[in-house]
Amino acid sequence: MALDRSFVEKNRASTTRIRELAASLSDDDLKRPVGEHWTVAVALAHIAFWDRRVLGFRLNYWSKSVHSICAMWCVPCTVANIWMRLIVR
């Protein structure tokens, strides 16, 4: 049975859409609040962080390590404070 790889094109299309969106946003757009503590820029940084993290680590490893599971959830919460201090451009 062949592996369904239709997700590859969907992921590629989603990546293109988010890159185009990010490129079209003004500095004021990036500073716009999203929820209580985040901005659009922080939300985009969060997405980029998770995309990179998933590419860099195997989910199987996370499922076998309590420490890794904690790090998987704690790191983005910690770095969100750093992302808030980023200069938008």
PDB file of N, CA and C in Angstrom:
ATOM      1  N   MET A   1       0.834  -1.171   0.000  1.00  0.00           N
ATOM      2  CA  MET A   1       0.000   0.000   0.000  1.00  0.00           C
ATOM      3  C   MET A   1       0.889   1.248   0.000  1.00  0.00           C
ATOM      4  N   ALA A   2       0.635   2.158  -0.909  1.00  0.00           N
ATOM      5  CA  ALA A   2       1.438   3.366  -1.038  1.00  0.00           C
ATOM      6  C   ALA A   2       1.090   4.372   0.063  1.00  0.00           C
ATOM      7  N   LEU A   3       2.098   5.064   0.530  1.00  0.00           N
ATOM      8  CA  LEU A   3       1.920   6.094   1.537  1.00  0.00           C
ATOM      9  C   LEU A   3       1.250   7.305   0.903  1.00  0.00           C
ATOM     10  N   ASP A   4       0.208   7.806   1.535  1.00  0.00           N
ATOM     11  CA  ASP A   4      -0.477   9.005   1.049  1.00  0.00           C
ATOM     12  C   ASP A   4       0.384  10.220   1.368  1.00  0.00           C
ATOM     13  N   ARG A   5       0.919  10.845   0.350  1.00  0.00           N
ATOM     14  CA  ARG A   5       1.800  11.989   0.532  1.00  0.00           C
ATOM     15  C   ARG A   5       1.127  13.289   0.106  1.00  0.00           C
ATOM     16  N   SER A   6      -0.195  13.288   0.065  1.00  0.00           N
ATOM     17  CA  SER A   6      -0.909  14.495  -0.344  1.00  0.00           C
ATOM     18  C   SER A   6      -0.661  15.655   0.622  1.00  0.00           C
ATOM     19  N   PHE A   7      -0.246  15.333   1.834  1.00  0.00           N
ATOM     20  CA  PHE A   7       0.038  16.372   2.816  1.00  0.00           C
ATOM     21  C   PHE A   7       1.217  17.247   2.394  1.00  0.00           C
ATOM     22  N   VAL A   8       2.121  16.712   1.590  1.00  0.00           N
ATOM     23  CA  VAL A   8       3.320  17.461   1.202  1.00  0.00           C
ATOM     24  C   VAL A   8       2.928  18.724   0.439  1.00  0.00           C
ATOM     25  N   GLU A   9       2.074  18.593  -0.534  1.00  0.00           N
ATOM     26  CA  GLU A   9       1.649  19.761  -1.311  1.00  0.00           C
ATOM     27  C   GLU A   9       0.811  20.707  -0.456  1.00  0.00           C
ATOM     28  N   LYS A  10      -0.016  20.162   0.423  1.00  0.00           N
ATOM     29  CA  LYS A  10      -0.805  21.020   1.314  1.00  0.00           C
ATOM     30  C   LYS A  10       0.110  21.824   2.235  1.00  0.00           C
ATOM     31  N   ASN A  11       1.142  21.176   2.771  1.00  0.00           N
ATOM     32  CA  ASN A  11       2.107  21.883   3.622  1.00  0.00           C
ATOM     33  C   ASN A  11       2.848  22.958   2.841  1.00  0.00           C
ATOM     34  N   ARG A  12       3.243  22.624   1.631  1.00  0.00           N
ATOM     35  CA  ARG A  12       3.952  23.593   0.788  1.00  0.00           C
ATOM     36  C   ARG A  12       3.064  24.803   0.506  1.00  0.00           C
ATOM     37  N   ALA A  13       1.804  24.560   0.182  1.00  0.00           N
ATOM     38  CA  ALA A  13       0.868  25.651  -0.095  1.00  0.00           C
ATOM     39  C   ALA A  13       0.644  26.505   1.157  1.00  0.00           C
ATOM     40  N   SER A  14       0.527  25.868   2.318  1.00  0.00           N
ATOM     41  CA  SER A  14       0.339  26.606   3.571  1.00  0.00           C
ATOM     42  C   SER A  14       1.561  27.462   3.891  1.00  0.00           C
ATOM     43  N   THR A  15       2.735  26.906   3.667  1.00  0.00           N
ATOM     44  CA  THR A  15       3.970  27.654   3.905  1.00  0.00           C
ATOM     45  C   THR A  15       4.037  28.879   3.002  1.00  0.00           C
ATOM     46  N   THR A  16       3.677  28.706   1.751  1.00  0.00           N
ATOM     47  CA  THR A  16       3.670  29.829   0.809  1.00  0.00           C
ATOM     48  C   THR A  16       2.689  30.901   1.264  1.00  0.00           C
ATOM     49  N   ARG A  17       1.501  30.491   1.662  1.00  0.00           N
ATOM     50  CA  ARG A  17       0.484  31.459   2.114  1.00  0.00           C
ATOM     51  C   ARG A  17       0.957  32.247   3.335  1.00  0.00           C
ATOM     52  N   ILE A  18       1.551  31.559   4.307  1.00  0.00           N
ATOM     53  CA  ILE A  18       1.960  32.276   5.528  1.00  0.00           C
ATOM     54  C   ILE A  18       3.153  33.188   5.248  1.00  0.00           C
ATOM     55  N   ARG A  19       4.047  32.779   4.348  1.00  0.00           N
ATOM     56  CA  ARG A  19       5.166  33.657   3.973  1.00  0.00           C
ATOM     57  C   ARG A  19       4.658  34.905   3.269  1.00  0.00           C
ATOM     58  N   GLU A  20       3.698  34.731   2.379  1.00  0.00           N
ATOM     59  CA  GLU A  20       3.123  35.888   1.678  1.00  0.00           C
ATOM     60  C   GLU A  20       2.398  36.809   2.654  1.00  0.00           C
ATOM     61  N   LEU A  21       1.676  36.215   3.594  1.00  0.00           N
ATOM     62  CA  LEU A  21       0.992  37.014   4.605  1.00  0.00           C
ATOM     63  C   LEU A  21       1.999  37.807   5.428  1.00  0.00           C
ATOM     64  N   ALA A  22       3.017  37.136   5.931  1.00  0.00           N
ATOM     65  CA  ALA A  22       4.018  37.802   6.770  1.00  0.00           C
ATOM     66  C   ALA A  22       4.709  38.935   6.013  1.00  0.00           C
ATOM     67  N   ALA A  23       5.012  38.715   4.743  1.00  0.00           N
ATOM     68  CA  ALA A  23       5.686  39.741   3.943  1.00  0.00           C
ATOM     69  C   ALA A  23       4.781  40.946   3.689  1.00  0.00           C
ATOM     70  N   SER A  24       3.484  40.726   3.702  1.00  0.00           N
ATOM     71  CA  SER A  24       2.550  41.817   3.395  1.00  0.00           C
ATOM     72  C   SER A  24       2.174  42.653   4.619  1.00  0.00           C
ATOM     73  N   LEU A  25       2.539  42.201   5.814  1.00  0.00           N
ATOM     74  CA  LEU A  25       2.145  42.904   7.029  1.00  0.00           C
ATOM     75  C   LEU A  25       3.030  44.117   7.287  1.00  0.00           C
ATOM     76  N   SER A  26       2.400  45.200   7.708  1.00  0.00           N
ATOM     77  CA  SER A  26       3.150  46.404   8.074  1.00  0.00           C
ATOM     78  C   SER A  26       3.668  46.245   9.502  1.00  0.00           C
ATOM     79  N   ASP A  27       4.532  47.163   9.921  1.00  0.00           N
ATOM     80  CA  ASP A  27       5.024  47.132  11.296  1.00  0.00           C
ATOM     81  C   ASP A  27       3.855  47.256  12.280  1.00  0.00           C
ATOM     82  N   ASP A  28       2.889  48.117  11.959  1.00  0.00           N
ATOM     83  CA  ASP A  28       1.720  48.263  12.836  1.00  0.00           C
ATOM     84  C   ASP A  28       0.912  46.972  12.895  1.00  0.00           C
ATOM     85  N   ASP A  29       0.793  46.275  11.761  1.00  0.00           N
ATOM     86  CA  ASP A  29       0.091  44.993  11.748  1.00  0.00           C
ATOM     87  C   ASP A  29       0.789  43.994  12.666  1.00  0.00           C
ATOM     88  N   LEU A  30       2.110  43.946  12.611  1.00  0.00           N
ATOM     89  CA  LEU A  30       2.881  43.000  13.417  1.00  0.00           C
ATOM     90  C   LEU A  30       2.797  43.312  14.903  1.00  0.00           C
ATOM     91  N   LYS A  31       2.550  44.566  15.240  1.00  0.00           N
ATOM     92  CA  LYS A  31       2.434  44.971  16.641  1.00  0.00           C
ATOM     93  C   LYS A  31       1.016  44.805  17.188  1.00  0.00           C
ATOM     94  N   ARG A  32       0.070  44.478  16.329  1.00  0.00           N
ATOM     95  CA  ARG A  32      -1.334  44.343  16.744  1.00  0.00           C
ATOM     96  C   ARG A  32      -1.477  43.208  17.763  1.00  0.00           C
ATOM     97  N   PRO A  33      -2.211  43.481  18.854  1.00  0.00           N
ATOM     98  CA  PRO A  33      -2.400  42.447  19.886  1.00  0.00           C
ATOM     99  C   PRO A  33      -3.186  41.236  19.369  1.00  0.00           C
ATOM    100  N   VAL A  34      -2.761  40.082  19.829  1.00  0.00           N
ATOM    101  CA  VAL A  34      -3.481  38.826  19.582  1.00  0.00           C
ATOM    102  C   VAL A  34      -3.691  38.218  20.961  1.00  0.00           C
ATOM    103  N   GLY A  35      -4.880  38.316  21.478  1.00  0.00           N
ATOM    104  CA  GLY A  35      -5.110  37.859  22.835  1.00  0.00           C
ATOM    105  C   GLY A  35      -4.552  38.858  23.828  1.00  0.00           C
ATOM    106  N   GLU A  36      -4.329  38.382  25.043  1.00  0.00           N
ATOM    107  CA  GLU A  36      -3.928  39.286  26.120  1.00  0.00           C
ATOM    108  C   GLU A  36      -2.443  39.646  26.105  1.00  0.00           C
ATOM    109  N   HIS A  37      -1.571  38.688  25.744  1.00  0.00           N
ATOM    110  CA  HIS A  37      -0.134  38.915  25.911  1.00  0.00           C
ATOM    111  C   HIS A  37       0.678  38.863  24.620  1.00  0.00           C
ATOM    112  N   TRP A  38       0.088  38.440  23.537  1.00  0.00           N
ATOM    113  CA  TRP A  38       0.843  38.259  22.304  1.00  0.00           C
ATOM    114  C   TRP A  38       0.494  39.320  21.285  1.00  0.00           C
ATOM    115  N   THR A  39       1.392  39.426  20.298  1.00  0.00           N
ATOM    116  CA  THR A  39       1.147  40.265  19.122  1.00  0.00           C
ATOM    117  C   THR A  39       1.165  39.350  17.903  1.00  0.00           C
ATOM    118  N   VAL A  40       0.847  39.907  16.754  1.00  0.00           N
ATOM    119  CA  VAL A  40       0.916  39.130  15.515  1.00  0.00           C
ATOM    120  C   VAL A  40       2.347  38.631  15.316  1.00  0.00           C
ATOM    121  N   ALA A  41       3.335  39.484  15.589  1.00  0.00           N
ATOM    122  CA  ALA A  41       4.743  39.086  15.433  1.00  0.00           C
ATOM    123  C   ALA A  41       5.086  37.907  16.335  1.00  0.00           C
ATOM    124  N   VAL A  42       4.605  37.916  17.585  1.00  0.00           N
ATOM    125  CA  VAL A  42       4.876  36.814  18.507  1.00  0.00           C
ATOM    126  C   VAL A  42       4.194  35.541  18.019  1.00  0.00           C
ATOM    127  N   ALA A  43       2.975  35.659  17.508  1.00  0.00           N
ATOM    128  CA  ALA A  43       2.275  34.478  16.988  1.00  0.00           C
ATOM    129  C   ALA A  43       3.040  33.870  15.809  1.00  0.00           C
ATOM    130  N   LEU A  44       3.556  34.711  14.933  1.00  0.00           N
ATOM    131  CA  LEU A  44       4.347  34.204  13.799  1.00  0.00           C
ATOM    132  C   LEU A  44       5.651  33.566  14.283  1.00  0.00           C
ATOM    133  N   ALA A  45       6.287  34.168  15.285  1.00  0.00           N
ATOM    134  CA  ALA A  45       7.512  33.582  15.849  1.00  0.00           C
ATOM    135  C   ALA A  45       7.204  32.228  16.479  1.00  0.00           C
ATOM    136  N   HIS A  46       6.063  32.117  17.140  1.00  0.00           N
ATOM    137  CA  HIS A  46       5.638  30.857  17.753  1.00  0.00           C
ATOM    138  C   HIS A  46       5.454  29.774  16.685  1.00  0.00           C
ATOM    139  N   ILE A  47       4.799  30.123  15.605  1.00  0.00           N
ATOM    140  CA  ILE A  47       4.601  29.160  14.506  1.00  0.00           C
ATOM    141  C   ILE A  47       5.950  28.727  13.935  1.00  0.00           C
ATOM    142  N   ALA A  48       6.836  29.686  13.723  1.00  0.00           N
ATOM    143  CA  ALA A  48       8.162  29.363  13.178  1.00  0.00           C
ATOM    144  C   ALA A  48       8.938  28.470  14.142  1.00  0.00           C
ATOM    145  N   PHE A  49       8.841  28.768  15.432  1.00  0.00           N
ATOM    146  CA  PHE A  49       9.523  27.952  16.431  1.00  0.00           C
ATOM    147  C   PHE A  49       9.056  26.503  16.357  1.00  0.00           C
ATOM    148  N   TRP A  50       7.740  26.291  16.345  1.00  0.00           N
ATOM    149  CA  TRP A  50       7.215  24.927  16.339  1.00  0.00           C
ATOM    150  C   TRP A  50       7.515  24.208  15.040  1.00  0.00           C
ATOM    151  N   ASP A  51       7.444  24.916  13.928  1.00  0.00           N
ATOM    152  CA  ASP A  51       7.800  24.278  12.656  1.00  0.00           C
ATOM    153  C   ASP A  51       9.240  23.785  12.699  1.00  0.00           C
ATOM    154  N   ARG A  52      10.137  24.618  13.178  1.00  0.00           N
ATOM    155  CA  ARG A  52      11.559  24.245  13.243  1.00  0.00           C
ATOM    156  C   ARG A  52      11.770  23.120  14.246  1.00  0.00           C
ATOM    157  N   ARG A  53      11.091  23.200  15.364  1.00  0.00           N
ATOM    158  CA  ARG A  53      11.257  22.180  16.410  1.00  0.00           C
ATOM    159  C   ARG A  53      10.790  20.817  15.925  1.00  0.00           C
ATOM    160  N   VAL A  54       9.664  20.783  15.260  1.00  0.00           N
ATOM    161  CA  VAL A  54       9.154  19.511  14.752  1.00  0.00           C
ATOM    162  C   VAL A  54      10.092  18.945  13.704  1.00  0.00           C
ATOM    163  N   LEU A  55      10.656  19.809  12.868  1.00  0.00           N
ATOM    164  CA  LEU A  55      11.600  19.332  11.864  1.00  0.00           C
ATOM    165  C   LEU A  55      12.877  18.798  12.504  1.00  0.00           C
ATOM    166  N   GLY A  56      13.276  19.377  13.623  1.00  0.00           N
ATOM    167  CA  GLY A  56      14.549  19.019  14.237  1.00  0.00           C
ATOM    168  C   GLY A  56      14.516  17.826  15.168  1.00  0.00           C
ATOM    169  N   PHE A  57      13.363  17.466  15.658  1.00  0.00           N
ATOM    170  CA  PHE A  57      13.261  16.371  16.623  1.00  0.00           C
ATOM    171  C   PHE A  57      12.211  15.367  16.178  1.00  0.00           C
ATOM    172  N   ARG A  58      12.374  14.165  16.619  1.00  0.00           N
ATOM    173  CA  ARG A  58      11.398  13.119  16.307  1.00  0.00           C
ATOM    174  C   ARG A  58      10.355  13.031  17.399  1.00  0.00           C
ATOM    175  N   LEU A  59       9.094  12.900  17.016  1.00  0.00           N
ATOM    176  CA  LEU A  59       8.024  12.774  18.001  1.00  0.00           C
ATOM    177  C   LEU A  59       8.200  11.528  18.853  1.00  0.00           C
ATOM    178  N   ASN A  60       8.785  10.488  18.294  1.00  0.00           N
ATOM    179  CA  ASN A  60       9.021   9.273  19.071  1.00  0.00           C
ATOM    180  C   ASN A  60       9.914   9.539  20.271  1.00  0.00           C
ATOM    181  N   TYR A  61      10.906  10.392  20.085  1.00  0.00           N
ATOM    182  CA  TYR A  61      11.810  10.730  21.188  1.00  0.00           C
ATOM    183  C   TYR A  61      11.035  11.436  22.294  1.00  0.00           C
ATOM    184  N   TRP A  62      10.187  12.389  21.917  1.00  0.00           N
ATOM    185  CA  TRP A  62       9.397  13.116  22.913  1.00  0.00           C
ATOM    186  C   TRP A  62       8.516  12.168  23.706  1.00  0.00           C
ATOM    187  N   SER A  63       7.936  11.195  23.032  1.00  0.00           N
ATOM    188  CA  SER A  63       6.998  10.304  23.715  1.00  0.00           C
ATOM    189  C   SER A  63       7.696   9.393  24.721  1.00  0.00           C
ATOM    190  N   LYS A  64       9.010   9.266  24.635  1.00  0.00           N
ATOM    191  CA  LYS A  64       9.761   8.386  25.533  1.00  0.00           C
ATOM    192  C   LYS A  64      10.465   9.137  26.656  1.00  0.00           C
ATOM    193  N   SER A  65      10.403  10.456  26.651  1.00  0.00           N
ATOM    194  CA  SER A  65      11.175  11.225  27.617  1.00  0.00           C
ATOM    195  C   SER A  65      10.298  12.260  28.316  1.00  0.00           C
ATOM    196  N   VAL A  66      10.134  12.097  29.635  1.00  0.00           N
ATOM    197  CA  VAL A  66       9.346  13.059  30.415  1.00  0.00           C
ATOM    198  C   VAL A  66       9.986  14.437  30.333  1.00  0.00           C
ATOM    199  N   HIS A  67      11.305  14.496  30.412  1.00  0.00           N
ATOM    200  CA  HIS A  67      12.005  15.778  30.334  1.00  0.00           C
ATOM    201  C   HIS A  67      11.725  16.459  28.997  1.00  0.00           C
ATOM    202  N   SER A  68      11.767  15.699  27.926  1.00  0.00           N
ATOM    203  CA  SER A  68      11.544  16.272  26.605  1.00  0.00           C
ATOM    204  C   SER A  68      10.105  16.764  26.441  1.00  0.00           C
ATOM    205  N   ILE A  69       9.157  16.047  27.041  1.00  0.00           N
ATOM    206  CA  ILE A  69       7.764  16.481  26.961  1.00  0.00           C
ATOM    207  C   ILE A  69       7.599  17.802  27.704  1.00  0.00           C
ATOM    208  N   CYS A  70       8.229  17.926  28.868  1.00  0.00           N
ATOM    209  CA  CYS A  70       8.175  19.188  29.610  1.00  0.00           C
ATOM    210  C   CYS A  70       8.801  20.308  28.792  1.00  0.00           C
ATOM    211  N   ALA A  71       9.966  20.048  28.211  1.00  0.00           N
ATOM    212  CA  ALA A  71      10.647  21.058  27.400  1.00  0.00           C
ATOM    213  C   ALA A  71       9.806  21.441  26.191  1.00  0.00           C
ATOM    214  N   MET A  72       9.113  20.475  25.631  1.00  0.00           N
ATOM    215  CA  MET A  72       8.286  20.729  24.451  1.00  0.00           C
ATOM    216  C   MET A  72       7.235  21.790  24.764  1.00  0.00           C
ATOM    217  N   TRP A  73       6.672  21.772  25.983  1.00  0.00           N
ATOM    218  CA  TRP A  73       5.619  22.725  26.334  1.00  0.00           C
ATOM    219  C   TRP A  73       6.153  23.963  27.038  1.00  0.00           C
ATOM    220  N   CYS A  74       7.235  23.841  27.801  1.00  0.00           N
ATOM    221  CA  CYS A  74       7.727  24.959  28.603  1.00  0.00           C
ATOM    222  C   CYS A  74       8.543  25.960  27.791  1.00  0.00           C
ATOM    223  N   VAL A  75       9.329  25.498  26.855  1.00  0.00           N
ATOM    224  CA  VAL A  75      10.208  26.393  26.095  1.00  0.00           C
ATOM    225  C   VAL A  75       9.431  27.482  25.372  1.00  0.00           C
ATOM    226  N   PRO A  76       8.378  27.182  24.604  1.00  0.00           N
ATOM    227  CA  PRO A  76       7.668  28.262  23.915  1.00  0.00           C
ATOM    228  C   PRO A  76       7.078  29.290  24.872  1.00  0.00           C
ATOM    229  N   CYS A  77       6.605  28.866  26.037  1.00  0.00           N
ATOM    230  CA  CYS A  77       6.061  29.804  27.019  1.00  0.00           C
ATOM    231  C   CYS A  77       7.153  30.741  27.525  1.00  0.00           C
ATOM    232  N   THR A  78       8.344  30.208  27.741  1.00  0.00           N
ATOM    233  CA  THR A  78       9.463  31.007  28.218  1.00  0.00           C
ATOM    234  C   THR A  78       9.949  31.974  27.147  1.00  0.00           C
ATOM    235  N   VAL A  79      10.112  31.507  25.942  1.00  0.00           N
ATOM    236  CA  VAL A  79      10.652  32.377  24.897  1.00  0.00           C
ATOM    237  C   VAL A  79       9.623  33.372  24.378  1.00  0.00           C
ATOM    238  N   ALA A  80       8.342  33.171  24.661  1.00  0.00           N
ATOM    239  CA  ALA A  80       7.337  34.154  24.251  1.00  0.00           C
ATOM    240  C   ALA A  80       7.655  35.516  24.861  1.00  0.00           C
ATOM    241  N   ASN A  81       8.180  35.537  26.082  1.00  0.00           N
ATOM    242  CA  ASN A  81       8.578  36.808  26.700  1.00  0.00           C
ATOM    243  C   ASN A  81       9.724  37.462  25.934  1.00  0.00           C
ATOM    244  N   ILE A  82      10.622  36.666  25.415  1.00  0.00           N
ATOM    245  CA  ILE A  82      11.721  37.198  24.603  1.00  0.00           C
ATOM    246  C   ILE A  82      11.176  37.703  23.277  1.00  0.00           C
ATOM    247  N   TRP A  83      10.275  36.935  22.675  1.00  0.00           N
ATOM    248  CA  TRP A  83       9.688  37.348  21.396  1.00  0.00           C
ATOM    249  C   TRP A  83       8.973  38.686  21.516  1.00  0.00           C
ATOM    250  N   MET A  84       8.374  38.961  22.681  1.00  0.00           N
ATOM    251  CA  MET A  84       7.668  40.227  22.883  1.00  0.00           C
ATOM    252  C   MET A  84       8.620  41.415  22.817  1.00  0.00           C
ATOM    253  N   ARG A  85       9.898  41.176  23.080  1.00  0.00           N
ATOM    254  CA  ARG A  85      10.887  42.257  23.085  1.00  0.00           C
ATOM    255  C   ARG A  85      11.583  42.419  21.732  1.00  0.00           C
ATOM    256  N   LEU A  86      11.249  41.557  20.793  1.00  0.00           N
ATOM    257  CA  LEU A  86      11.875  41.649  19.478  1.00  0.00           C
ATOM    258  C   LEU A  86      11.469  42.939  18.766  1.00  0.00           C
ATOM    259  N   ILE A  87      12.422  43.514  18.068  1.00  0.00           N
ATOM    260  CA  ILE A  87      12.099  44.621  17.188  1.00  0.00           C
ATOM    261  C   ILE A  87      11.379  44.007  15.991  1.00  0.00           C
ATOM    262  N   VAL A  88      10.289  44.625  15.609  1.00  0.00           N
ATOM    263  CA  VAL A  88       9.432  44.037  14.594  1.00  0.00           C
ATOM    264  C   VAL A  88      10.189  43.805  13.288  1.00  0.00           C
ATOM    265  N   ARG A  89      10.920  44.739  12.823  1.00  0.00           N
ATOM    266  CA  ARG A  89      11.653  44.569  11.567  1.00  0.00           C
ATOM    267  C   ARG A  89      13.140  44.693  11.812  1.00  0.00           C
TER     268      ARG A  89
END
